[in-house]
N, C-alpha and C. Protein backbone atom coordinates (compact mmCIF):
# COMPACT_ATOMS: atom_id res chain seq x y z
N UNK A 1 0.84 -1.17 0.00
CA UNK A 1 0.00 0.00 0.00
C UNK A 1 0.89 1.24 0.00
N UNK A 2 0.58 2.18 -0.89
CA UNK A 2 1.38 3.39 -1.00
C UNK A 2 0.93 4.43 0.01
N UNK A 3 1.88 5.21 0.48
CA UNK A 3 1.59 6.28 1.43
C UNK A 3 1.36 7.57 0.63
N UNK A 4 0.30 8.28 0.96
CA UNK A 4 -0.02 9.54 0.28
C UNK A 4 0.81 10.66 0.91
N UNK A 5 1.37 11.47 0.04
CA UNK A 5 2.15 12.62 0.50
C UNK A 5 1.23 13.55 1.29
N UNK A 6 1.64 13.99 2.49
CA UNK A 6 0.77 14.88 3.30
C UNK A 6 0.39 16.17 2.58
N UNK A 7 1.29 16.70 1.75
CA UNK A 7 0.97 17.92 1.01
C UNK A 7 -0.19 17.68 0.04
N UNK A 8 -0.13 16.57 -0.69
CA UNK A 8 -1.20 16.25 -1.65
C UNK A 8 -2.51 16.01 -0.89
N UNK A 9 -2.44 15.36 0.24
CA UNK A 9 -3.64 15.09 1.04
C UNK A 9 -4.28 16.40 1.50
N UNK A 10 -3.46 17.30 2.03
CA UNK A 10 -3.99 18.58 2.51
C UNK A 10 -4.48 19.46 1.36
N UNK A 11 -3.79 19.41 0.22
CA UNK A 11 -4.21 20.18 -0.95
C UNK A 11 -5.56 19.67 -1.45
N UNK A 12 -5.77 18.36 -1.45
CA UNK A 12 -7.06 17.83 -1.91
C UNK A 12 -8.19 18.23 -0.96
N UNK A 13 -7.92 18.26 0.33
CA UNK A 13 -8.94 18.72 1.29
C UNK A 13 -9.26 20.20 1.05
N UNK A 14 -8.24 21.00 0.76
CA UNK A 14 -8.44 22.43 0.50
C UNK A 14 -9.29 22.63 -0.75
N UNK A 15 -9.00 21.89 -1.81
CA UNK A 15 -9.76 22.01 -3.05
C UNK A 15 -11.21 21.57 -2.83
N UNK A 16 -11.41 20.48 -2.10
CA UNK A 16 -12.77 20.04 -1.80
C UNK A 16 -13.52 21.09 -0.96
N UNK A 17 -12.83 21.73 -0.04
CA UNK A 17 -13.46 22.77 0.78
C UNK A 17 -13.88 23.96 -0.09
N UNK A 18 -13.10 24.28 -1.10
CA UNK A 18 -13.47 25.37 -2.01
C UNK A 18 -14.76 25.03 -2.74
N UNK A 19 -14.84 23.80 -3.28
CA UNK A 19 -16.06 23.41 -3.99
C UNK A 19 -17.27 23.37 -3.07
N UNK A 20 -17.12 22.80 -1.89
CA UNK A 20 -18.24 22.73 -0.94
C UNK A 20 -18.67 24.13 -0.55
N UNK A 21 -17.73 25.00 -0.25
CA UNK A 21 -18.05 26.38 0.12
C UNK A 21 -18.77 27.11 -0.99
N UNK A 22 -18.32 26.92 -2.22
CA UNK A 22 -18.96 27.57 -3.36
C UNK A 22 -20.41 27.15 -3.49
N UNK A 23 -20.67 25.85 -3.44
CA UNK A 23 -22.04 25.37 -3.61
C UNK A 23 -22.92 25.70 -2.42
N UNK A 24 -22.37 25.74 -1.23
CA UNK A 24 -23.16 26.10 -0.05
C UNK A 24 -23.57 27.57 -0.12
N UNK A 25 -22.63 28.45 -0.45
CA UNK A 25 -22.93 29.88 -0.47
C UNK A 25 -23.91 30.21 -1.59
N UNK A 26 -23.75 29.63 -2.75
CA UNK A 26 -24.64 29.96 -3.87
C UNK A 26 -26.01 29.35 -3.73
N UNK A 27 -26.18 28.36 -2.85
CA UNK A 27 -27.50 27.77 -2.67
C UNK A 27 -28.30 28.42 -1.54
N UNK A 28 -27.73 29.42 -0.88
CA UNK A 28 -28.42 30.10 0.21
C UNK A 28 -29.45 31.07 -0.37
N UNK A 29 -30.65 31.05 0.17
CA UNK A 29 -31.69 31.98 -0.28
C UNK A 29 -31.36 33.39 0.21
N UNK A 30 -31.82 34.42 -0.50
CA UNK A 30 -31.51 35.80 -0.09
C UNK A 30 -31.93 36.14 1.33
N UNK A 31 -32.99 35.51 1.83
CA UNK A 31 -33.45 35.83 3.19
C UNK A 31 -32.45 35.35 4.25
N UNK A 32 -31.58 34.41 3.88
CA UNK A 32 -30.62 33.87 4.87
C UNK A 32 -29.22 34.47 4.73
N UNK A 33 -29.06 35.45 3.86
CA UNK A 33 -27.73 36.02 3.70
C UNK A 33 -27.25 36.76 4.94
N UNK A 34 -28.13 37.43 5.65
CA UNK A 34 -27.72 38.14 6.86
C UNK A 34 -27.22 37.19 7.94
N UNK A 35 -27.94 36.10 8.25
CA UNK A 35 -27.39 35.15 9.22
C UNK A 35 -26.09 34.49 8.72
N UNK A 36 -26.01 34.28 7.41
CA UNK A 36 -24.78 33.70 6.86
C UNK A 36 -23.60 34.64 7.08
N UNK A 37 -23.82 35.95 6.91
CA UNK A 37 -22.75 36.92 7.15
C UNK A 37 -22.32 36.90 8.61
N UNK A 38 -23.27 36.75 9.51
CA UNK A 38 -22.93 36.69 10.93
C UNK A 38 -22.08 35.46 11.24
N UNK A 39 -22.41 34.35 10.61
CA UNK A 39 -21.64 33.12 10.82
C UNK A 39 -20.23 33.27 10.26
N UNK A 40 -20.10 33.89 9.10
CA UNK A 40 -18.75 34.08 8.54
C UNK A 40 -17.93 35.02 9.40
N UNK A 41 -18.57 35.99 10.05
CA UNK A 41 -17.84 36.84 10.99
C UNK A 41 -17.35 36.03 12.18
N UNK A 42 -18.15 35.09 12.64
CA UNK A 42 -17.73 34.23 13.75
C UNK A 42 -16.57 33.35 13.33
N UNK A 43 -16.61 32.84 12.11
CA UNK A 43 -15.50 32.01 11.61
C UNK A 43 -14.23 32.85 11.52
N UNK A 44 -14.36 34.09 11.06
CA UNK A 44 -13.19 34.97 10.98
C UNK A 44 -12.60 35.25 12.35
N UNK A 45 -13.45 35.28 13.37
CA UNK A 45 -12.91 35.50 14.72
C UNK A 45 -12.08 34.31 15.17
N UNK A 46 -12.43 33.12 14.73
CA UNK A 46 -11.61 31.94 15.03
C UNK A 46 -10.28 32.05 14.30
N UNK A 47 -10.31 32.58 13.09
CA UNK A 47 -9.07 32.79 12.33
C UNK A 47 -8.18 33.79 13.05
N UNK A 48 -8.78 34.80 13.66
CA UNK A 48 -8.00 35.78 14.42
C UNK A 48 -7.26 35.10 15.57
N UNK A 49 -7.93 34.19 16.26
CA UNK A 49 -7.29 33.48 17.37
C UNK A 49 -6.11 32.66 16.84
N UNK A 50 -6.32 31.95 15.73
CA UNK A 50 -5.22 31.17 15.14
C UNK A 50 -4.07 32.05 14.68
N UNK A 51 -4.39 33.21 14.11
CA UNK A 51 -3.34 34.13 13.66
C UNK A 51 -2.56 34.68 14.85
N UNK A 52 -3.24 34.97 15.95
CA UNK A 52 -2.53 35.44 17.15
C UNK A 52 -1.59 34.37 17.68
N UNK A 53 -2.00 33.12 17.60
CA UNK A 53 -1.12 32.02 18.02
C UNK A 53 0.09 31.94 17.10
N UNK A 54 -0.13 32.10 15.78
CA UNK A 54 0.98 32.05 14.82
C UNK A 54 1.94 33.21 15.03
N UNK A 55 1.41 34.38 15.36
CA UNK A 55 2.28 35.54 15.58
C UNK A 55 3.12 35.35 16.85
N UNK A 56 2.59 34.64 17.82
CA UNK A 56 3.30 34.51 19.10
C UNK A 56 4.26 33.33 19.13
N UNK A 57 4.49 32.68 18.00
CA UNK A 57 5.39 31.51 17.95
C UNK A 57 6.80 31.92 18.35
N UNK A 58 7.42 31.13 19.18
CA UNK A 58 8.80 31.36 19.57
C UNK A 58 9.59 30.07 19.32
N UNK A 59 9.84 29.78 18.06
CA UNK A 59 10.61 28.60 17.70
C UNK A 59 12.08 28.96 17.72
N UNK A 60 12.89 28.13 18.32
CA UNK A 60 14.32 28.40 18.42
C UNK A 60 15.08 27.46 17.50
N UNK A 61 16.16 27.95 16.95
CA UNK A 61 16.95 27.20 16.00
C UNK A 61 18.30 26.86 16.65
N UNK A 62 18.26 26.06 17.68
CA UNK A 62 19.49 25.65 18.34
C UNK A 62 19.24 24.31 19.02
N UNK A 63 20.31 23.60 19.33
CA UNK A 63 20.11 22.34 20.05
C UNK A 63 19.59 22.60 21.46
N UNK A 64 19.13 21.54 22.11
CA UNK A 64 18.56 21.71 23.43
C UNK A 64 19.61 22.05 24.48
N UNK A 65 20.88 21.88 24.16
CA UNK A 65 21.92 22.24 25.12
C UNK A 65 22.88 23.24 24.49
N UNK A 66 23.52 24.00 25.33
CA UNK A 66 24.51 24.98 24.90
C UNK A 66 25.88 24.45 25.32
N UNK A 67 26.82 24.42 24.37
CA UNK A 67 28.15 23.87 24.64
C UNK A 67 29.07 24.98 25.10
N UNK A 68 29.67 24.81 26.28
CA UNK A 68 30.64 25.75 26.81
C UNK A 68 31.98 25.02 26.88
N UNK A 69 33.01 25.64 26.31
CA UNK A 69 34.33 25.00 26.29
C UNK A 69 35.40 26.01 26.67
N UNK A 70 36.46 25.51 27.32
CA UNK A 70 37.62 26.32 27.69
C UNK A 70 38.85 25.60 27.17
N UNK A 71 39.71 26.32 26.40
CA UNK A 71 40.92 25.68 25.89
C UNK A 71 42.10 25.96 26.81
N UNK A 72 43.28 25.49 26.42
CA UNK A 72 44.49 25.63 27.27
C UNK A 72 44.92 27.07 27.45
N UNK A 73 44.54 27.94 26.53
CA UNK A 73 44.93 29.35 26.63
C UNK A 73 43.91 30.17 27.40
N UNK A 74 42.99 29.52 28.10
CA UNK A 74 41.94 30.17 28.89
C UNK A 74 40.95 30.94 28.03
N UNK A 75 40.80 30.54 26.77
CA UNK A 75 39.76 31.12 25.92
C UNK A 75 38.46 30.37 26.19
N UNK A 76 37.37 31.11 26.36
CA UNK A 76 36.08 30.51 26.65
C UNK A 76 35.21 30.61 25.39
N UNK A 77 34.60 29.47 25.04
CA UNK A 77 33.74 29.39 23.85
C UNK A 77 32.35 28.94 24.25
N UNK A 78 31.34 29.57 23.65
CA UNK A 78 29.96 29.11 23.80
C UNK A 78 29.47 28.83 22.39
N UNK A 79 29.13 27.57 22.14
CA UNK A 79 28.70 27.12 20.81
C UNK A 79 29.66 27.60 19.72
N UNK A 80 30.95 27.34 19.90
CA UNK A 80 32.03 27.64 18.95
C UNK A 80 32.24 29.13 18.72
N UNK A 81 31.74 29.98 19.59
CA UNK A 81 31.98 31.41 19.50
C UNK A 81 32.81 31.84 20.71
N UNK A 82 33.93 32.46 20.43
CA UNK A 82 34.83 32.90 21.50
C UNK A 82 34.20 34.09 22.21
N UNK A 83 34.03 33.96 23.53
CA UNK A 83 33.40 35.04 24.29
C UNK A 83 34.35 35.66 25.31
N UNK A 84 35.46 34.97 25.63
CA UNK A 84 36.40 35.52 26.61
C UNK A 84 37.77 34.89 26.39
N UNK A 85 38.81 35.58 26.85
CA UNK A 85 40.17 35.04 26.77
C UNK A 85 40.88 35.25 28.10
N UNK A 86 42.22 35.04 28.11
CA UNK A 86 42.96 35.10 29.38
C UNK A 86 42.98 36.50 29.98
N UNK A 87 42.68 37.54 29.20
CA UNK A 87 42.69 38.91 29.72
C UNK A 87 41.37 39.29 30.38
N UNK A 88 40.36 38.47 30.25
CA UNK A 88 39.06 38.77 30.83
C UNK A 88 39.12 38.58 32.34
N UNK A 89 38.72 39.58 33.12
CA UNK A 89 38.74 39.43 34.58
C UNK A 89 37.78 38.32 35.03
N UNK A 90 38.20 37.57 36.02
CA UNK A 90 37.40 36.45 36.53
C UNK A 90 36.07 36.92 37.11
N UNK A 91 36.03 38.13 37.61
CA UNK A 91 34.80 38.63 38.21
C UNK A 91 33.70 38.88 37.16
N UNK A 92 34.12 39.09 35.89
CA UNK A 92 33.14 39.33 34.83
C UNK A 92 32.69 38.05 34.13
N UNK A 93 33.34 36.93 34.40
CA UNK A 93 33.03 35.69 33.69
C UNK A 93 31.59 35.22 33.88
N UNK A 94 31.01 35.23 35.10
CA UNK A 94 29.62 34.77 35.21
C UNK A 94 28.65 35.60 34.37
N UNK A 95 28.82 36.91 34.36
CA UNK A 95 27.93 37.76 33.58
C UNK A 95 28.12 37.53 32.08
N UNK A 96 29.37 37.36 31.64
CA UNK A 96 29.65 37.11 30.22
C UNK A 96 29.07 35.77 29.78
N UNK A 97 29.27 34.75 30.61
CA UNK A 97 28.72 33.42 30.29
C UNK A 97 27.20 33.45 30.25
N UNK A 98 26.60 34.10 31.21
CA UNK A 98 25.14 34.19 31.25
C UNK A 98 24.60 34.90 30.02
N UNK A 99 25.22 36.00 29.63
CA UNK A 99 24.78 36.76 28.46
C UNK A 99 24.95 35.94 27.18
N UNK A 100 26.09 35.27 27.02
CA UNK A 100 26.36 34.48 25.82
C UNK A 100 25.41 33.29 25.70
N UNK A 101 25.14 32.64 26.82
CA UNK A 101 24.24 31.49 26.79
C UNK A 101 22.81 31.94 26.51
N UNK A 102 22.43 33.11 27.04
CA UNK A 102 21.09 33.63 26.77
C UNK A 102 20.93 33.96 25.28
N UNK A 103 21.95 34.57 24.67
CA UNK A 103 21.89 34.89 23.25
C UNK A 103 21.82 33.62 22.42
N UNK A 104 22.60 32.60 22.79
CA UNK A 104 22.59 31.34 22.04
C UNK A 104 21.25 30.64 22.17
N UNK A 105 20.61 30.75 23.31
CA UNK A 105 19.34 30.05 23.55
C UNK A 105 18.14 30.79 23.00
N UNK A 106 18.30 32.04 22.61
CA UNK A 106 17.14 32.80 22.16
C UNK A 106 17.20 33.18 20.69
N UNK A 107 18.00 32.48 19.91
CA UNK A 107 18.07 32.75 18.47
C UNK A 107 16.80 32.27 17.80
N UNK A 108 16.10 33.17 17.11
CA UNK A 108 14.84 32.82 16.46
C UNK A 108 15.14 32.34 15.04
N UNK A 109 14.56 31.22 14.67
CA UNK A 109 14.82 30.62 13.37
C UNK A 109 14.08 31.37 12.26
N UNK A 110 14.54 31.22 11.01
CA UNK A 110 13.82 31.83 9.88
C UNK A 110 12.40 31.30 9.75
N UNK A 111 12.18 30.04 10.09
CA UNK A 111 10.83 29.48 10.02
C UNK A 111 9.89 30.18 11.00
N UNK A 112 10.42 30.56 12.16
CA UNK A 112 9.60 31.28 13.13
C UNK A 112 9.24 32.67 12.60
N UNK A 113 10.19 33.32 11.92
CA UNK A 113 9.89 34.64 11.36
C UNK A 113 8.85 34.53 10.26
N UNK A 114 8.94 33.47 9.43
CA UNK A 114 7.94 33.25 8.39
C UNK A 114 6.57 33.06 9.01
N UNK A 115 6.51 32.28 10.09
CA UNK A 115 5.24 32.06 10.77
C UNK A 115 4.70 33.35 11.35
N UNK A 116 5.57 34.16 11.92
CA UNK A 116 5.14 35.43 12.49
C UNK A 116 4.60 36.37 11.42
N UNK A 117 5.28 36.45 10.28
CA UNK A 117 4.85 37.36 9.20
C UNK A 117 3.53 36.89 8.60
N UNK A 118 3.42 35.59 8.30
CA UNK A 118 2.17 35.08 7.73
C UNK A 118 1.02 35.17 8.73
N UNK A 119 1.31 34.96 10.01
CA UNK A 119 0.29 35.12 11.04
C UNK A 119 -0.20 36.55 11.13
N UNK A 120 0.72 37.50 11.00
CA UNK A 120 0.34 38.92 11.04
C UNK A 120 -0.53 39.28 9.84
N UNK A 121 -0.15 38.78 8.65
CA UNK A 121 -0.96 39.04 7.44
C UNK A 121 -2.36 38.43 7.62
N UNK A 122 -2.42 37.20 8.14
CA UNK A 122 -3.72 36.56 8.38
C UNK A 122 -4.54 37.35 9.39
N UNK A 123 -3.88 37.87 10.40
CA UNK A 123 -4.57 38.68 11.41
C UNK A 123 -5.18 39.93 10.80
N UNK A 124 -4.42 40.63 9.97
CA UNK A 124 -4.92 41.85 9.33
C UNK A 124 -6.10 41.52 8.40
N UNK A 125 -5.94 40.49 7.56
CA UNK A 125 -7.00 40.15 6.61
C UNK A 125 -8.27 39.68 7.32
N UNK A 126 -8.12 38.90 8.39
CA UNK A 126 -9.30 38.44 9.13
C UNK A 126 -10.01 39.61 9.80
N UNK A 127 -9.23 40.56 10.33
CA UNK A 127 -9.86 41.74 10.96
C UNK A 127 -10.60 42.59 9.93
N UNK A 128 -10.01 42.75 8.73
CA UNK A 128 -10.69 43.47 7.66
C UNK A 128 -11.98 42.74 7.27
N UNK A 129 -11.91 41.41 7.20
CA UNK A 129 -13.08 40.61 6.85
C UNK A 129 -14.18 40.77 7.90
N UNK A 130 -13.81 40.74 9.17
CA UNK A 130 -14.81 40.90 10.24
C UNK A 130 -15.45 42.29 10.17
N UNK A 131 -14.62 43.32 10.04
CA UNK A 131 -15.14 44.68 10.00
C UNK A 131 -16.06 44.88 8.79
N UNK A 132 -15.60 44.42 7.62
CA UNK A 132 -16.42 44.54 6.42
C UNK A 132 -17.70 43.73 6.52
N UNK A 133 -17.62 42.55 7.13
CA UNK A 133 -18.81 41.72 7.30
C UNK A 133 -19.84 42.38 8.19
N UNK A 134 -19.39 43.02 9.25
CA UNK A 134 -20.34 43.72 10.12
C UNK A 134 -20.96 44.93 9.41
N UNK A 135 -20.17 45.61 8.59
CA UNK A 135 -20.74 46.73 7.83
C UNK A 135 -21.81 46.24 6.85
N UNK A 136 -21.52 45.15 6.14
CA UNK A 136 -22.49 44.62 5.19
C UNK A 136 -23.73 44.12 5.92
N UNK A 137 -23.54 43.44 7.04
CA UNK A 137 -24.68 42.94 7.82
C UNK A 137 -25.54 44.10 8.31
N UNK A 138 -24.92 45.16 8.81
CA UNK A 138 -25.68 46.32 9.28
C UNK A 138 -26.45 46.98 8.14
N UNK A 139 -25.83 47.03 6.98
CA UNK A 139 -26.51 47.63 5.82
C UNK A 139 -27.69 46.76 5.39
N UNK A 140 -27.51 45.45 5.42
CA UNK A 140 -28.61 44.56 5.02
C UNK A 140 -29.75 44.63 6.03
N UNK A 141 -29.43 44.73 7.31
CA UNK A 141 -30.49 44.86 8.32
C UNK A 141 -31.21 46.19 8.21
N UNK A 142 -30.51 47.23 7.78
CA UNK A 142 -31.12 48.55 7.62
C UNK A 142 -32.17 48.55 6.51
N UNK A 143 -32.03 47.65 5.56
CA UNK A 143 -33.02 47.58 4.48
C UNK A 143 -34.38 47.12 5.00
N UNK A 144 -34.40 46.39 6.12
CA UNK A 144 -35.65 45.89 6.66
C UNK A 144 -36.30 46.85 7.65
N UNK A 145 -35.62 47.91 8.02
CA UNK A 145 -36.19 48.89 8.95
C UNK A 145 -37.20 49.77 8.24
N UNK A 146 -38.21 50.18 8.99
CA UNK A 146 -39.25 51.06 8.45
C UNK A 146 -38.66 52.47 8.38
N UNK A 147 -38.83 53.11 7.25
CA UNK A 147 -38.30 54.46 7.06
C UNK A 147 -39.25 55.46 7.70
N UNK A 148 -38.69 56.51 8.27
CA UNK A 148 -39.50 57.54 8.91
C UNK A 148 -40.26 58.33 7.85
N UNK A 149 -41.53 58.59 8.12
CA UNK A 149 -42.34 59.39 7.22
C UNK A 149 -42.86 58.62 6.03
N UNK A 150 -42.57 57.32 5.97
CA UNK A 150 -43.05 56.52 4.84
C UNK A 150 -44.51 56.18 5.08
N UNK A 151 -45.33 56.21 4.03
CA UNK A 151 -46.74 55.89 4.20
C UNK A 151 -46.91 54.41 4.55
N UNK A 152 -47.91 54.12 5.37
CA UNK A 152 -48.19 52.74 5.76
C UNK A 152 -48.76 51.99 4.58
N UNK A 153 -48.47 50.71 4.50
CA UNK A 153 -49.00 49.90 3.42
C UNK A 153 -50.49 49.65 3.64
N UNK A 154 -51.16 49.36 2.57
CA UNK A 154 -52.59 49.09 2.66
C UNK A 154 -52.86 47.89 3.54
N UNK A 155 -53.82 48.01 4.41
CA UNK A 155 -54.18 46.91 5.30
C UNK A 155 -53.44 46.95 6.62
N UNK A 156 -52.46 47.82 6.76
CA UNK A 156 -51.72 47.92 8.02
C UNK A 156 -52.09 49.22 8.72
N UNK A 157 -52.18 49.18 10.01
CA UNK A 157 -52.52 50.38 10.78
C UNK A 157 -51.36 50.84 11.57
């Protein structure tokens, strides 16, 4: 039995979702468009939550441990980067080591930056979609309000 590539599997689900969404939206009667807009605003709010999670990603691009080494000449290395030598005062070594290890442990990977940028774009687009959806919904609801000074229809008091 062959294994399906995860990308192809996810792409097929995405394409099927496009077709299902198209047929669902076009089969909605005009009287249900306002509730449909409210539901799409709710879905966009879920997208906002996901985008906030993507923006807050803190993926690190380093091994789980930091390597500290000292050679015969009293040079101190953290992850193959020289941070101190024999001229460095011993009293400053704890602060230097702490700073170097913190920098090595907090390096953000390019994948994390990509996630942050795409999450921010998704956040902006979802917020625009929510705002625009509420404007359209308010305008559609305004069409059903009785206008001031309009004559009453026949048979109504």
